Protein backbone atom coordinates (compact mmCIF):
# COMPACT_ATOMS: atom_id res chain seq x y z
CA MET A 1 -114.64 -143.09 -31.95
CA ASN A 2 -113.58 -139.32 -32.46
CA PRO A 3 -114.64 -137.54 -36.08
CA VAL A 4 -111.57 -138.05 -38.36
CA LYS A 5 -110.95 -133.86 -38.95
CA VAL A 6 -110.33 -132.60 -42.40
CA GLY A 7 -109.10 -129.14 -43.47
CA ILE A 8 -110.30 -128.02 -47.58
CA ALA A 9 -108.43 -126.30 -48.92
CA GLY A 10 -110.27 -124.74 -52.31
CA LEU A 11 -113.84 -123.87 -52.19
CA GLY A 12 -114.31 -123.55 -56.41
CA THR A 13 -116.44 -126.09 -58.35
CA VAL A 14 -114.75 -129.45 -56.45
CA GLY A 15 -114.31 -127.64 -53.53
CA SER A 16 -118.08 -126.95 -52.79
CA GLY A 17 -118.87 -130.16 -54.16
CA THR A 18 -117.08 -132.45 -51.86
CA VAL A 19 -118.32 -130.41 -49.05
CA ASN A 20 -121.42 -131.07 -50.37
CA ILE A 21 -120.94 -134.82 -50.24
CA LEU A 22 -119.66 -135.70 -47.12
CA ARG A 23 -122.20 -133.58 -45.41
CA ARG A 24 -124.97 -135.44 -47.23
CA ASN A 25 -123.79 -138.83 -46.56
CA ALA A 26 -122.42 -138.22 -44.02
CA ASP A 27 -124.14 -141.23 -42.35
CA GLU A 28 -123.35 -143.31 -44.69
CA ILE A 29 -119.93 -141.74 -44.54
CA ALA A 30 -119.21 -142.59 -41.09
CA ARG A 31 -120.93 -145.98 -41.66
CA ARG A 32 -118.24 -147.14 -44.11
CA VAL A 33 -115.29 -145.60 -42.76
CA GLY A 34 -116.07 -146.26 -38.85
CA ARG A 35 -116.72 -142.85 -37.56
CA PRO A 36 -117.70 -139.61 -38.32
CA ILE A 37 -115.66 -137.23 -41.01
CA GLU A 38 -115.97 -134.08 -40.05
CA ILE A 39 -114.92 -131.29 -41.87
CA ALA A 40 -113.19 -128.61 -39.01
CA HIS A 41 -110.99 -126.21 -40.96
CA ILE A 42 -111.72 -124.47 -44.56
CA GLY A 43 -109.29 -122.16 -46.52
CA ALA A 44 -110.22 -120.34 -49.65
CA ARG A 45 -109.67 -116.78 -50.97
CA ARG A 46 -113.78 -116.18 -51.09
CA ASP A 47 -116.75 -118.42 -50.28
CA ASN A 48 -119.12 -119.89 -51.59
CA ASP A 49 -123.23 -119.95 -51.70
CA SER A 50 -123.36 -123.81 -53.69
CA CYS A 51 -122.81 -125.24 -50.37
CA ASP A 52 -123.51 -124.61 -47.06
CA VAL A 53 -120.48 -124.17 -44.15
CA THR A 54 -122.65 -123.44 -41.29
CA GLY A 55 -119.96 -124.01 -38.61
CA VAL A 56 -117.14 -124.33 -40.05
CA ARG A 57 -113.81 -122.41 -39.32
CA ILE A 58 -112.90 -120.39 -42.25
CA SER A 59 -109.36 -118.95 -42.98
CA ARG A 60 -108.42 -116.70 -45.85
CA ASP A 61 -104.94 -117.71 -46.08
CA VAL A 62 -104.46 -121.37 -46.77
CA MET A 63 -101.96 -122.65 -45.15
CA GLU A 64 -103.10 -121.75 -41.78
CA VAL A 65 -105.35 -125.73 -42.58
CA ALA A 66 -102.02 -126.51 -43.85
CA ARG A 67 -100.70 -125.33 -40.06
CA ASP A 68 -104.39 -126.12 -38.27
CA PRO A 69 -103.01 -129.09 -35.30
CA ASP A 70 -106.31 -131.04 -34.81
CA ILE A 71 -106.94 -131.30 -38.66
CA ASP A 72 -105.70 -134.93 -39.68
CA ILE A 73 -106.32 -135.27 -43.65
CA LEU A 74 -106.24 -132.52 -45.68
CA VAL A 75 -107.83 -131.56 -48.72
CA GLU A 76 -105.67 -129.42 -51.34
CA LEU A 77 -108.45 -128.27 -54.58
CA ILE A 78 -106.23 -124.97 -55.32
CA GLY A 79 -104.81 -126.15 -58.20
CA GLY A 80 -102.25 -125.08 -59.89
CA THR A 81 -98.00 -126.55 -58.85
CA THR A 82 -96.84 -122.81 -56.69
CA THR A 83 -98.79 -122.22 -54.00
CA ALA A 84 -100.52 -125.98 -54.10
CA ARG A 85 -96.77 -127.82 -54.00
CA GLU A 86 -96.12 -125.03 -50.50
CA LEU A 87 -99.62 -125.82 -49.59
CA VAL A 88 -98.98 -130.10 -49.54
CA LEU A 89 -95.19 -129.85 -48.26
CA THR A 90 -96.06 -128.15 -45.36
CA ALA A 91 -99.34 -129.80 -44.01
CA ILE A 92 -97.24 -133.32 -45.06
CA SER A 93 -94.21 -131.40 -42.37
CA ASN A 94 -96.73 -131.01 -39.79
CA GLY A 95 -97.43 -134.90 -39.95
CA LYS A 96 -101.03 -134.00 -41.76
CA HIS A 97 -102.56 -137.14 -44.82
CA VAL A 98 -102.92 -135.51 -47.58
CA VAL A 99 -105.73 -135.62 -50.81
CA THR A 100 -105.15 -133.99 -53.81
CA ALA A 101 -107.59 -133.14 -57.67
CA ASN A 102 -104.77 -131.87 -58.72
CA LYS A 103 -103.28 -133.55 -62.00
CA ALA A 104 -100.38 -131.21 -62.28
CA LEU A 105 -98.57 -131.42 -59.03
CA ILE A 106 -98.72 -134.83 -58.77
CA ALA A 107 -97.35 -135.38 -62.69
CA GLU A 108 -94.80 -132.32 -62.12
CA HIS A 109 -94.38 -132.74 -58.19
CA GLY A 110 -95.37 -135.63 -57.00
CA ASN A 111 -91.80 -138.07 -56.64
CA GLU A 112 -91.02 -134.81 -54.30
CA ILE A 113 -94.16 -134.90 -52.61
CA PHE A 114 -93.90 -138.48 -52.21
CA ALA A 115 -90.54 -138.76 -50.86
CA ALA A 116 -91.39 -136.13 -47.84
CA ALA A 117 -94.46 -137.95 -47.03
CA HIS A 118 -92.83 -140.95 -47.05
CA ALA A 119 -89.99 -139.73 -45.03
CA LYS A 120 -93.05 -138.30 -42.16
CA GLY A 121 -95.03 -141.30 -42.30
CA VAL A 122 -97.90 -139.90 -43.68
CA ASP A 123 -100.26 -140.25 -47.05
CA VAL A 124 -100.65 -138.79 -49.95
CA ALA A 125 -104.31 -139.49 -51.82
CA PHE A 126 -105.24 -138.22 -55.77
CA GLU A 127 -107.61 -140.53 -57.57
CA ALA A 128 -109.31 -136.93 -58.21
CA ALA A 129 -106.70 -136.35 -60.27
CA VAL A 130 -107.19 -138.79 -63.54
CA ALA A 131 -110.80 -138.69 -65.07
CA GLY A 132 -112.40 -137.35 -61.98
CA GLY A 133 -115.57 -140.09 -60.75
CA VAL A 134 -113.42 -142.42 -62.76
CA PRO A 135 -112.17 -144.75 -60.56
CA ILE A 136 -108.76 -145.16 -62.57
CA LEU A 137 -106.64 -145.33 -60.48
CA LYS A 138 -107.98 -147.27 -57.92
CA ALA A 139 -108.17 -149.78 -60.36
CA LEU A 140 -104.62 -149.77 -61.77
CA GLY A 141 -102.88 -150.22 -58.64
CA GLU A 142 -105.41 -152.71 -56.86
CA GLY A 143 -108.03 -154.35 -58.55
CA LEU A 144 -105.99 -154.70 -61.19
CA ALA A 145 -103.10 -156.03 -58.94
CA ALA A 146 -102.05 -159.25 -60.62
CA ASN A 147 -101.48 -158.41 -63.94
CA ARG A 148 -98.46 -157.30 -66.00
CA ILE A 149 -99.87 -154.32 -67.66
CA LYS A 150 -99.01 -154.18 -71.32
CA TRP A 151 -101.12 -150.82 -72.50
CA ILE A 152 -103.11 -147.62 -72.02
CA ALA A 153 -105.29 -146.10 -73.62
CA GLY A 154 -107.81 -143.23 -72.93
CA ILE A 155 -109.75 -140.25 -73.53
CA ILE A 156 -108.76 -138.25 -70.91
CA ASN A 157 -109.92 -134.59 -71.50
CA GLY A 158 -113.36 -133.89 -71.98
CA THR A 159 -112.66 -130.29 -73.30
CA GLY A 160 -110.92 -132.76 -76.46
CA ASN A 161 -113.83 -134.48 -76.87
CA PHE A 162 -116.55 -132.79 -76.64
CA ILE A 163 -114.16 -130.26 -79.52
CA LEU A 164 -114.07 -133.25 -82.17
CA THR A 165 -117.28 -135.04 -81.30
CA GLU A 166 -119.11 -131.43 -82.49
CA MET A 167 -116.31 -131.38 -85.46
CA ARG A 168 -117.30 -135.45 -86.40
CA ASP A 169 -121.18 -135.70 -86.13
CA LYS A 170 -121.88 -131.82 -87.41
CA GLY A 171 -119.39 -131.23 -89.98
CA ARG A 172 -117.90 -127.72 -87.40
CA SER A 173 -114.81 -126.08 -87.31
CA PHE A 174 -112.50 -126.29 -84.60
CA SER A 175 -112.59 -122.70 -83.73
CA ASP A 176 -115.96 -123.07 -83.57
CA VAL A 177 -116.10 -125.69 -81.50
CA LEU A 178 -114.25 -124.17 -78.82
CA ALA A 179 -115.69 -121.49 -78.57
CA GLU A 180 -119.25 -123.18 -77.59
CA ALA A 181 -116.91 -125.01 -75.27
CA GLN A 182 -115.65 -121.63 -73.68
CA ALA A 183 -119.60 -120.37 -73.73
CA LEU A 184 -120.51 -123.73 -72.14
CA GLY A 185 -117.60 -123.81 -69.23
CA TYR A 186 -116.30 -126.64 -70.72
CA ALA A 187 -112.92 -124.81 -71.98
CA GLU A 188 -111.11 -122.21 -69.99
CA ALA A 189 -110.42 -118.58 -71.52
CA ASP A 190 -107.09 -119.85 -72.38
CA PRO A 191 -107.91 -123.81 -73.84
CA THR A 192 -104.13 -124.25 -74.05
CA PHE A 193 -104.29 -127.00 -71.96
CA ASP A 194 -107.05 -129.13 -72.71
CA VAL A 195 -106.13 -128.41 -76.93
CA GLU A 196 -102.49 -128.97 -77.12
CA GLY A 197 -102.80 -131.85 -75.04
CA ILE A 198 -101.05 -130.99 -71.64
CA ASP A 199 -104.40 -131.43 -69.69
CA ALA A 200 -103.89 -135.28 -70.59
CA ALA A 201 -100.17 -135.94 -70.93
CA HIS A 202 -100.29 -135.14 -67.00
CA LYS A 203 -102.86 -137.01 -66.68
CA LEU A 204 -101.34 -139.88 -68.40
CA THR A 205 -98.40 -139.66 -66.33
CA ILE A 206 -100.06 -140.44 -63.63
CA LEU A 207 -101.10 -143.70 -65.06
CA ALA A 208 -98.47 -144.76 -66.88
CA SER A 209 -96.68 -144.61 -63.08
CA ILE A 210 -99.40 -147.02 -61.60
CA ALA A 211 -99.62 -149.38 -64.71
CA PHE A 212 -96.14 -150.27 -65.02
CA GLY A 213 -94.27 -148.94 -61.53
CA ILE A 214 -92.52 -146.83 -63.13
CA PRO A 215 -90.99 -143.34 -62.23
CA LEU A 216 -93.53 -139.83 -63.02
CA GLN A 217 -91.60 -138.54 -66.39
CA PHE A 218 -94.41 -136.12 -67.37
CA SER A 219 -90.74 -134.41 -69.66
CA LYS A 220 -91.04 -137.18 -71.18
CA VAL A 221 -94.84 -137.37 -72.62
CA TYR A 222 -94.96 -136.69 -76.03
CA THR A 223 -98.05 -133.95 -76.36
CA GLU A 224 -99.83 -132.89 -79.55
CA GLY A 225 -102.70 -131.47 -79.67
CA ILE A 226 -105.41 -131.38 -81.66
CA SER A 227 -105.77 -127.37 -82.99
CA GLY A 228 -104.61 -128.29 -86.40
CA LEU A 229 -107.23 -131.08 -87.02
CA THR A 230 -110.14 -130.68 -89.76
CA SER A 231 -113.28 -131.98 -90.85
CA GLU A 232 -111.65 -133.01 -93.85
CA ASP A 233 -109.65 -135.39 -91.60
CA ILE A 234 -112.64 -136.57 -89.56
CA THR A 235 -114.54 -136.99 -92.73
CA ALA A 236 -112.23 -138.98 -94.42
CA ALA A 237 -111.15 -141.55 -91.13
CA GLU A 238 -114.90 -141.90 -90.93
CA GLN A 239 -114.57 -143.56 -94.44
CA PHE A 240 -111.59 -145.23 -93.71
CA GLY A 241 -113.74 -146.81 -91.18
CA TYR A 242 -111.90 -145.17 -87.71
CA ARG A 243 -112.80 -141.90 -86.11
CA ILE A 244 -109.93 -139.56 -84.51
CA LYS A 245 -109.96 -139.68 -80.93
CA HIS A 246 -107.05 -136.99 -78.84
CA LEU A 247 -105.65 -140.19 -76.27
CA GLY A 248 -103.10 -140.48 -73.67
CA ILE A 249 -101.13 -143.81 -75.21
CA ALA A 250 -98.49 -145.67 -72.94
CA LYS A 251 -97.15 -148.95 -73.90
CA ASP A 252 -95.02 -151.37 -72.62
CA THR A 253 -92.91 -152.53 -75.45
CA GLY A 254 -90.54 -155.46 -73.47
CA ASN A 255 -87.69 -152.31 -75.11
CA GLY A 256 -88.72 -149.38 -73.24
CA ILE A 257 -91.95 -146.98 -72.60
CA GLU A 258 -94.00 -145.00 -74.66
CA LEU A 259 -95.77 -142.46 -73.14
CA ARG A 260 -97.31 -139.68 -76.07
CA VAL A 261 -100.28 -137.85 -76.15
CA HIS A 262 -102.32 -137.10 -79.78
CA PRO A 263 -104.51 -137.17 -81.72
CA THR A 264 -105.44 -140.98 -83.12
CA LEU A 265 -107.17 -143.45 -85.38
CA ILE A 266 -108.69 -145.36 -83.75
CA PRO A 267 -111.27 -148.53 -85.18
CA GLN A 268 -114.81 -147.89 -84.65
CA SER A 269 -115.65 -150.74 -83.31
CA VAL A 270 -113.47 -150.60 -81.26
CA LEU A 271 -116.00 -149.13 -77.62
CA LEU A 272 -113.06 -146.33 -76.93
CA ALA A 273 -114.62 -144.36 -80.41
CA SER A 274 -118.32 -144.78 -79.21
CA VAL A 275 -117.14 -142.41 -76.04
CA ASN A 276 -118.40 -138.98 -77.55
CA GLY A 277 -118.65 -135.75 -75.98
CA VAL A 278 -117.60 -134.40 -72.74
CA MET A 279 -117.31 -138.14 -71.22
CA ASN A 280 -113.99 -139.74 -70.20
CA ALA A 281 -112.31 -143.26 -71.63
CA VAL A 282 -109.80 -144.97 -70.13
CA MET A 283 -108.69 -148.92 -71.84
CA VAL A 284 -106.38 -150.54 -69.85
CA ASP A 285 -105.18 -154.21 -71.73
CA GLY A 286 -103.28 -156.75 -68.59
CA ASP A 287 -101.90 -160.20 -69.83
CA ALA A 288 -104.47 -161.65 -67.74
CA VAL A 289 -107.21 -159.97 -67.81
CA GLY A 290 -107.10 -158.99 -70.54
CA PRO A 291 -108.58 -155.53 -71.67
CA THR A 292 -110.65 -153.23 -69.88
CA LEU A 293 -112.56 -149.90 -69.80
CA PHE A 294 -113.25 -147.59 -67.53
CA TYR A 295 -115.83 -144.85 -68.58
CA GLY A 296 -116.74 -141.83 -66.89
CA ALA A 297 -117.81 -138.01 -66.36
CA GLY A 298 -113.82 -136.86 -66.16
CA ALA A 299 -114.97 -134.33 -64.32
CA GLY A 300 -117.66 -131.50 -62.09
CA ALA A 301 -118.43 -130.47 -58.54
CA GLY A 302 -119.53 -134.62 -58.60
CA PRO A 303 -118.22 -136.69 -60.64
CA THR A 304 -115.07 -135.34 -58.61
CA GLY A 305 -115.26 -134.63 -55.90
CA SER A 306 -117.30 -137.83 -55.94
CA ALA A 307 -113.37 -138.95 -56.09
CA VAL A 308 -112.22 -136.83 -53.57
CA VAL A 309 -114.54 -138.01 -50.64
CA ALA A 310 -113.52 -141.20 -51.40
CA ASP A 311 -109.59 -141.13 -51.23
CA ILE A 312 -110.84 -139.32 -47.00
CA ILE A 313 -113.04 -142.70 -46.86
CA GLU A 314 -110.12 -144.54 -47.63
CA MET A 315 -107.74 -143.00 -45.80
CA GLY A 316 -110.33 -142.18 -42.76
CA ARG A 317 -110.02 -146.05 -42.75
CA ALA A 318 -106.54 -146.48 -42.90
CA LEU A 319 -105.67 -144.12 -40.06
CA THR A 320 -104.92 -147.19 -37.45
CA ILE A 321 -103.16 -148.83 -39.99
CA GLU A 322 -98.72 -148.38 -40.01
CA HIS A 323 -97.89 -147.01 -43.16
CA ASP A 324 -95.63 -148.79 -44.55
CA GLN A 325 -98.86 -151.72 -44.74
CA ARG A 326 -101.17 -149.21 -46.57
CA VAL A 327 -101.06 -149.21 -50.61
CA PRO A 328 -98.10 -147.64 -51.98
CA TYR A 329 -98.77 -143.94 -53.81
CA LEU A 330 -98.20 -145.35 -57.16
CA GLY A 331 -99.38 -148.86 -56.05
CA PHE A 332 -95.73 -150.04 -56.51
CA HIS A 333 -93.38 -149.67 -53.63
CA SER A 334 -90.54 -146.81 -54.07
CA ASP A 335 -87.20 -148.86 -53.76
CA VAL A 336 -88.80 -151.02 -56.66
CA LEU A 337 -90.09 -148.66 -59.10
CA SER A 338 -88.45 -149.32 -62.32
CA GLU A 339 -85.47 -147.32 -64.57
CA GLU A 340 -87.42 -148.81 -67.50
CA PRO A 341 -86.62 -146.32 -70.20
CA VAL A 342 -88.77 -143.87 -71.76
CA LEU A 343 -88.41 -144.98 -75.54
CA PRO A 344 -88.08 -141.48 -77.84
CA MET A 345 -90.83 -140.54 -79.98
CA ASP A 346 -89.01 -141.36 -83.56
CA GLN A 347 -88.85 -145.37 -82.29
CA VAL A 348 -91.99 -145.51 -81.80
CA VAL A 349 -94.76 -148.10 -84.47
CA CYS A 350 -97.36 -147.23 -85.83
CA PRO A 351 -99.75 -147.25 -89.36
CA PHE A 352 -100.69 -143.68 -90.23
CA TYR A 353 -102.96 -141.83 -91.44
CA MET A 354 -102.17 -139.38 -94.24
CA ARG A 355 -103.90 -136.96 -96.51
CA LEU A 356 -102.16 -134.52 -99.33
CA HIS A 357 -102.96 -131.99 -101.86
CA VAL A 358 -101.21 -132.48 -105.18
CA GLN A 359 -101.05 -131.22 -109.03
CA ASP A 360 -102.92 -132.62 -111.14
CA ARG A 361 -100.96 -133.86 -113.01
CA THR A 362 -99.37 -137.48 -114.97
CA GLY A 363 -96.34 -139.26 -112.51
CA VAL A 364 -97.48 -137.19 -108.91
CA LEU A 365 -99.05 -140.49 -107.12
CA ALA A 366 -96.12 -142.55 -108.51
CA ASP A 367 -93.85 -140.43 -106.64
CA ILE A 368 -95.30 -140.69 -103.88
CA THR A 369 -95.90 -144.99 -103.69
CA ARG A 370 -92.21 -144.33 -104.68
CA ILE A 371 -90.25 -142.79 -102.55
CA LEU A 372 -92.90 -144.46 -100.05
CA SER A 373 -91.59 -148.18 -100.89
CA GLN A 374 -88.23 -146.95 -100.76
CA HIS A 375 -88.58 -146.36 -96.88
CA SER A 376 -90.65 -149.89 -96.37
CA ILE A 377 -93.56 -148.25 -96.21
CA SER A 378 -96.54 -149.56 -97.74
CA ILE A 379 -100.11 -148.43 -98.42
CA GLU A 380 -102.99 -149.78 -97.36
CA ALA A 381 -105.53 -147.82 -98.72
CA MET A 382 -105.80 -144.63 -100.27
CA PHE A 383 -108.76 -142.47 -102.05
CA GLN A 384 -108.78 -139.76 -103.97
CA LYS A 385 -111.15 -137.06 -104.66
CA ASP A 386 -112.96 -135.82 -107.26
CA VAL A 387 -112.10 -132.01 -107.92
CA ASP A 388 -112.74 -130.16 -111.27
CA ASP A 389 -109.73 -129.45 -113.51
CA ASP A 390 -106.80 -127.13 -112.11
CA GLN A 391 -107.48 -127.76 -109.15
CA PRO A 392 -104.97 -129.39 -105.99
CA VAL A 393 -106.50 -132.99 -105.36
CA PRO A 394 -106.64 -134.24 -102.30
CA ILE A 395 -105.34 -138.14 -101.64
CA MET A 396 -105.36 -139.74 -98.05
CA LEU A 397 -103.48 -142.69 -97.75
CA MET A 398 -104.08 -144.80 -95.23
CA THR A 399 -99.92 -146.96 -94.33
CA HIS A 400 -99.25 -150.36 -92.92
CA ALA A 401 -97.60 -149.71 -89.09
CA VAL A 402 -93.92 -147.78 -90.08
CA ARG A 403 -91.17 -146.81 -87.67
CA GLU A 404 -92.09 -142.99 -87.13
CA GLN A 405 -87.97 -142.22 -87.93
CA ASP A 406 -88.67 -143.85 -91.22
CA MET A 407 -92.32 -142.31 -91.50
CA ASN A 408 -90.16 -139.04 -91.19
CA LYS A 409 -88.17 -139.41 -93.77
CA ALA A 410 -90.27 -140.02 -96.45
CA LEU A 411 -92.63 -137.41 -95.10
CA ALA A 412 -89.81 -134.86 -95.27
CA GLU A 413 -88.78 -136.20 -99.39
CA ILE A 414 -92.49 -136.35 -99.82
CA ALA A 415 -93.24 -132.71 -99.39
CA ALA A 416 -89.95 -131.51 -101.41
CA LEU A 417 -91.81 -132.55 -104.21
CA ASP A 418 -92.87 -130.15 -106.71
CA ALA A 419 -96.61 -131.41 -107.41
CA VAL A 420 -97.13 -131.55 -103.77
CA LEU A 421 -99.09 -128.30 -102.18
CA ASP A 422 -99.40 -127.17 -98.51
CA ASP A 423 -98.76 -129.15 -95.45
CA ILE A 424 -98.88 -132.47 -95.45
CA VAL A 425 -101.30 -133.69 -92.46
CA ARG A 426 -100.26 -136.94 -91.23
CA ILE A 427 -102.31 -139.05 -87.93
CA ARG A 428 -101.25 -142.22 -85.78
CA VAL A 429 -103.08 -144.87 -86.48
CA GLU A 430 -103.83 -146.93 -83.03
CA LEU A 431 -105.50 -151.39 -83.53
CA LEU A 432 -107.01 -151.09 -80.28
CA LYS A 433 -108.48 -154.29 -79.17
CA ALA A 434 -112.10 -154.11 -77.21
């Protein structure tokens, strides 16, 4: 059979990794597809010495790849959402299937891209957009398709996980570990997307759409970063029997979908609590299968390139299948996507961890517990540190589950007490079942 001709746009870390895998494993890949995969055209602004592109047509304008009539599959690996969107839509309009690792592009423009692809009868695959080499999207859309998914909780940004691991294990400050993460290449010079949760929110948007059969709704994801966390809170969490992880959480509550990214206390006994360093992991709870854990490297040339090539293989197999008979982009056909609402954050119910500094005087703790009680918030556990006379007293406590709007009202009243010093730290708790 004639080879499947692939055009690759972008020759950075993932692009070079993809080229290397396609060439190194060419015979095995051909066996899996049933015919060879040929890299026929590469669009890149500059060469990359980490991969061999001998004999491949090279263009400096990536749009030439999208318009090349010989190309069957365009692989978009340039990143960003402006040129990448134009590139993908151009490829689709020229009748090409698309593989991408671009989570921001799918999360923000996926609905438009899928509509264009459906109208043209071509496919879009994006396994590499979430958790690198961990095949979580295929697992959700196919392997767990028999289940009604109840919730997802994932460590889906390796940079943030590396920072929290170092802070916990070595007692280092956030700023100190961030500087090391940048030196090691885990974090960008501008680390905002990683440490403030935007990268994780893009990925959670995609996970939730496939899990629950809802449209992509990035703008509705609640996002909170880790830059305000201190080693004091990480140590306190350990004393309560928890660990702090930066999680993406999606839940079907029956009244709506929760979509949220934020620092979270989870029990130390849960497998997710033991995922350290730059690794990714996603827990999925299905009504039939129960809790499952998917773990692996979430970034890098090899892991992400592995997911890109897996999509190319799957697409190569499906080229002779009618479009409507292929697996839908989000695991559900577009005409049956649910319009279930995304819950506002103030309606989320969960336990909380709180830390506050107060003046060392009689009646302060009674005032705090009185305010919590007035808002029907009960305390599960509490401790306070011994300090020298006239020094602020740190109080750490854990509450039972409470609606966020009630907690916000209580915190506002507590913060107004004269004896309460500094800002009150509060972190949500998830009692995940392993």
